[in-house]
Amino acid sequence: MSAIDALLADARRQLGRRVDPEKAAAVQQAGGLLVDIRYAELRDRDGTIPGALIVERNELEWRLDPTSAHRAPEATHHDLPVVVICNEGYASSLAALSLRHLGLHQATDLTGGFQAWRAAGLPVGGENPR
């Protein structure tokens, strides 16, 4: 097993529960936060999840830490349910664990990422089919 595969497996073990697209939609509907960490080219190509907060990966911890002077207005408290979304559900596992280390104990990620969301037929905005 490669080092990154071991790191990913450990992150997912620590996260425990991850969510499928339908559960992620339910988290959002209940007032939780979906956070899209995909880079702009992927968002431009595939679209976005309506209502999701866009935060590129390199800014995630600063924007989601409720104690940070650089936090997003949506990052109101440590009990906030947060679902991190990348393209296919790999980088989001590592990012969600990082948020847990900041005290966001309900942070998790979307199994299969944005591609699973779209395949489930859930709403996508700004789509630019190619």
C-alpha atoms as a PDB file:
ATOM      1  CA  MET A   1       0.000   0.000   0.000  1.00  0.00           C
ATOM      2  CA  SER A   2       1.335   3.443  -0.877  1.00  0.00           C
ATOM      3  CA  ALA A   3       1.831   6.074   1.809  1.00  0.00           C
ATOM      4  CA  ILE A   4      -1.053   8.198   0.491  1.00  0.00           C
ATOM      5  CA  ASP A   5      -3.377   5.184   0.404  1.00  0.00           C
ATOM      6  CA  ALA A   6      -2.485   4.479   4.040  1.00  0.00           C
ATOM      7  CA  LEU A   7      -3.041   8.129   4.969  1.00  0.00           C
ATOM      8  CA  LEU A   8      -6.429   8.140   3.230  1.00  0.00           C
ATOM      9  CA  ALA A   9      -7.486   4.883   4.899  1.00  0.00           C
ATOM     10  CA  ASP A  10      -6.499   6.281   8.296  1.00  0.00           C
ATOM     11  CA  ALA A  11      -8.397   9.523   7.654  1.00  0.00           C
ATOM     12  CA  ARG A  12     -11.524   7.605   6.704  1.00  0.00           C
ATOM     13  CA  ARG A  13     -11.183   5.378   9.769  1.00  0.00           C
ATOM     14  CA  GLN A  14     -10.989   8.467  11.976  1.00  0.00           C
ATOM     15  CA  LEU A  15     -13.926  10.129  10.245  1.00  0.00           C
ATOM     16  CA  GLY A  16     -16.091   7.083  10.721  1.00  0.00           C
ATOM     17  CA  ARG A  17     -19.283   8.087   9.029  1.00  0.00           C
ATOM     18  CA  ARG A  18     -19.189   9.587   5.571  1.00  0.00           C
ATOM     19  CA  VAL A  19     -22.335  10.567   3.714  1.00  0.00           C
ATOM     20  CA  ASP A  20     -23.877   9.607   0.404  1.00  0.00           C
ATOM     21  CA  PRO A  21     -25.392  12.251  -1.885  1.00  0.00           C
ATOM     22  CA  GLU A  22     -28.910  11.961  -0.478  1.00  0.00           C
ATOM     23  CA  LYS A  23     -27.665  12.316   3.110  1.00  0.00           C
ATOM     24  CA  ALA A  24     -25.532  15.325   2.088  1.00  0.00           C
ATOM     25  CA  ALA A  25     -28.635  16.955   0.591  1.00  0.00           C
ATOM     26  CA  ALA A  26     -30.497  16.269   3.848  1.00  0.00           C
ATOM     27  CA  VAL A  27     -27.659  17.852   5.865  1.00  0.00           C
ATOM     28  CA  GLN A  28     -27.887  20.967   3.692  1.00  0.00           C
ATOM     29  CA  GLN A  29     -31.668  21.086   3.961  1.00  0.00           C
ATOM     30  CA  ALA A  30     -31.401  20.846   7.777  1.00  0.00           C
ATOM     31  CA  GLY A  31     -29.087  23.880   7.888  1.00  0.00           C
ATOM     32  CA  GLY A  32     -25.715  22.198   7.565  1.00  0.00           C
ATOM     33  CA  LEU A  33     -23.016  23.403   5.222  1.00  0.00           C
ATOM     34  CA  LEU A  34     -21.868  21.776   2.003  1.00  0.00           C
ATOM     35  CA  VAL A  35     -18.347  22.958   1.155  1.00  0.00           C
ATOM     36  CA  ASP A  36     -17.082  22.488  -2.392  1.00  0.00           C
ATOM     37  CA  ILE A  37     -13.266  22.406  -2.443  1.00  0.00           C
ATOM     38  CA  ARG A  38     -12.879  21.637  -6.160  1.00  0.00           C
ATOM     39  CA  TYR A  39     -10.737  23.985  -8.182  1.00  0.00           C
ATOM     40  CA  ALA A  40     -12.320  26.491 -10.551  1.00  0.00           C
ATOM     41  CA  GLU A  41     -11.706  24.523 -13.749  1.00  0.00           C
ATOM     42  CA  LEU A  42     -13.754  21.575 -12.445  1.00  0.00           C
ATOM     43  CA  ARG A  43     -16.542  23.846 -11.220  1.00  0.00           C
ATOM     44  CA  ASP A  44     -16.621  25.606 -14.593  1.00  0.00           C
ATOM     45  CA  ARG A  45     -16.668  22.298 -16.446  1.00  0.00           C
ATOM     46  CA  ASP A  46     -19.169  20.354 -14.326  1.00  0.00           C
ATOM     47  CA  GLY A  47     -21.193  22.956 -12.454  1.00  0.00           C
ATOM     48  CA  THR A  48     -21.792  23.468  -8.754  1.00  0.00           C
ATOM     49  CA  ILE A  49     -24.186  22.368  -6.058  1.00  0.00           C
ATOM     50  CA  PRO A  50     -26.726  25.140  -5.449  1.00  0.00           C
ATOM     51  CA  GLY A  51     -26.177  26.672  -2.021  1.00  0.00           C
ATOM     52  CA  ALA A  52     -22.789  25.055  -1.445  1.00  0.00           C
ATOM     53  CA  LEU A  53     -20.008  27.247  -0.089  1.00  0.00           C
ATOM     54  CA  ILE A  54     -17.094  27.401  -2.532  1.00  0.00           C
ATOM     55  CA  VAL A  55     -13.751  27.326  -0.724  1.00  0.00           C
ATOM     56  CA  GLU A  56     -10.692  26.143  -2.574  1.00  0.00           C
ATOM     57  CA  ARG A  57      -8.680  23.594  -0.645  1.00  0.00           C
ATOM     58  CA  ASN A  58      -5.734  25.882   0.155  1.00  0.00           C
ATOM     59  CA  GLU A  59      -8.044  28.243   2.120  1.00  0.00           C
ATOM     60  CA  LEU A  60     -10.301  25.685   3.794  1.00  0.00           C
ATOM     61  CA  GLU A  61      -9.023  25.735   7.368  1.00  0.00           C
ATOM     62  CA  TRP A  62      -8.870  29.545   7.562  1.00  0.00           C
ATOM     63  CA  ARG A  63     -12.354  29.968   6.091  1.00  0.00           C
ATOM     64  CA  LEU A  64     -14.088  27.261   8.176  1.00  0.00           C
ATOM     65  CA  ASP A  65     -12.437  27.809  11.583  1.00  0.00           C
ATOM     66  CA  PRO A  66     -15.062  29.694  13.620  1.00  0.00           C
ATOM     67  CA  THR A  67     -12.245  31.356  15.612  1.00  0.00           C
ATOM     68  CA  SER A  68     -10.369  32.635  12.556  1.00  0.00           C
ATOM     69  CA  ALA A  69     -10.374  36.303  11.610  1.00  0.00           C
ATOM     70  CA  HIS A  70     -10.595  35.073   7.993  1.00  0.00           C
ATOM     71  CA  ARG A  71     -13.584  32.767   8.456  1.00  0.00           C
ATOM     72  CA  ALA A  72     -16.503  32.678   6.060  1.00  0.00           C
ATOM     73  CA  PRO A  73     -19.698  34.165   7.514  1.00  0.00           C
ATOM     74  CA  GLU A  74     -21.262  30.687   7.303  1.00  0.00           C
ATOM     75  CA  ALA A  75     -18.648  29.227   9.690  1.00  0.00           C
ATOM     76  CA  THR A  76     -20.548  30.200  12.801  1.00  0.00           C
ATOM     77  CA  HIS A  77     -19.692  27.529  15.382  1.00  0.00           C
ATOM     78  CA  HIS A  78     -17.876  24.257  16.031  1.00  0.00           C
ATOM     79  CA  ASP A  79     -21.134  22.242  16.123  1.00  0.00           C
ATOM     80  CA  LEU A  80     -21.968  23.121  12.517  1.00  0.00           C
ATOM     81  CA  PRO A  81     -22.583  20.030  10.368  1.00  0.00           C
ATOM     82  CA  VAL A  82     -20.149  20.301   7.448  1.00  0.00           C
ATOM     83  CA  VAL A  83     -19.893  18.036   4.411  1.00  0.00           C
ATOM     84  CA  VAL A  84     -16.726  18.579   2.361  1.00  0.00           C
ATOM     85  CA  ILE A  85     -17.008  17.829  -1.346  1.00  0.00           C
ATOM     86  CA  CYS A  86     -14.200  17.286  -3.827  1.00  0.00           C
ATOM     87  CA  ASN A  87     -14.485  15.823  -7.301  1.00  0.00           C
ATOM     88  CA  GLU A  88     -14.512  12.091  -6.506  1.00  0.00           C
ATOM     89  CA  GLY A  89     -14.336  11.804  -2.715  1.00  0.00           C
ATOM     90  CA  TYR A  90     -10.625  11.413  -2.006  1.00  0.00           C
ATOM     91  CA  ALA A  91      -9.180  14.828  -1.111  1.00  0.00           C
ATOM     92  CA  SER A  92     -12.379  15.622   0.783  1.00  0.00           C
ATOM     93  CA  SER A  93     -11.665  12.861   3.314  1.00  0.00           C
ATOM     94  CA  LEU A  94      -8.305  14.412   4.180  1.00  0.00           C
ATOM     95  CA  ALA A  95      -9.854  17.896   4.291  1.00  0.00           C
ATOM     96  CA  ALA A  96     -12.731  16.802   6.550  1.00  0.00           C
ATOM     97  CA  LEU A  97     -10.293  15.253   9.001  1.00  0.00           C
ATOM     98  CA  SER A  98      -8.346  18.515   9.059  1.00  0.00           C
ATOM     99  CA  LEU A  99     -11.560  20.344   9.980  1.00  0.00           C
ATOM    100  CA  ARG A 100     -12.157  17.833  12.767  1.00  0.00           C
ATOM    101  CA  HIS A 101      -8.703  18.694  14.124  1.00  0.00           C
ATOM    102  CA  LEU A 102      -9.860  22.334  14.259  1.00  0.00           C
ATOM    103  CA  GLY A 103     -12.799  21.311  16.445  1.00  0.00           C
ATOM    104  CA  LEU A 104     -15.520  20.971  13.802  1.00  0.00           C
ATOM    105  CA  HIS A 105     -16.504  17.592  15.207  1.00  0.00           C
ATOM    106  CA  GLN A 106     -19.400  17.038  12.777  1.00  0.00           C
ATOM    107  CA  ALA A 107     -17.251  17.509   9.659  1.00  0.00           C
ATOM    108  CA  THR A 108     -17.358  14.649   7.192  1.00  0.00           C
ATOM    109  CA  ASP A 109     -17.211  14.222   3.435  1.00  0.00           C
ATOM    110  CA  LEU A 110     -19.298  13.081   0.504  1.00  0.00           C
ATOM    111  CA  THR A 111     -18.561   9.536  -0.637  1.00  0.00           C
ATOM    112  CA  GLY A 112     -17.860   9.720  -4.370  1.00  0.00           C
ATOM    113  CA  GLY A 113     -17.667  13.520  -4.320  1.00  0.00           C
ATOM    114  CA  PHE A 114     -19.370  15.850  -6.766  1.00  0.00           C
ATOM    115  CA  GLN A 115     -19.475  13.141  -9.413  1.00  0.00           C
ATOM    116  CA  ALA A 116     -21.637  10.962  -7.132  1.00  0.00           C
ATOM    117  CA  TRP A 117     -23.898  13.962  -6.399  1.00  0.00           C
ATOM    118  CA  ARG A 118     -24.441  14.546 -10.100  1.00  0.00           C
ATOM    119  CA  ALA A 119     -24.903  10.818 -10.850  1.00  0.00           C
ATOM    120  CA  ALA A 120     -27.598  10.702  -8.145  1.00  0.00           C
ATOM    121  CA  GLY A 121     -29.572  13.274 -10.145  1.00  0.00           C
ATOM    122  CA  LEU A 122     -29.373  15.943  -7.460  1.00  0.00           C
ATOM    123  CA  PRO A 123     -29.463  19.637  -8.469  1.00  0.00           C
ATOM    124  CA  VAL A 124     -26.462  21.077 -10.283  1.00  0.00           C
ATOM    125  CA  GLY A 125     -26.172  24.734 -11.249  1.00  0.00           C
ATOM    126  CA  GLY A 126     -23.979  26.486 -13.768  1.00  0.00           C
ATOM    127  CA  GLU A 127     -23.338  23.296 -15.660  1.00  0.00           C
ATOM    128  CA  ASN A 128     -21.335  23.653 -18.849  1.00  0.00           C
ATOM    129  CA  PRO A 129     -21.648  20.300 -20.647  1.00  0.00           C
ATOM    130  CA  ARG A 130     -18.849  19.308 -22.988  1.00  0.00           C
END
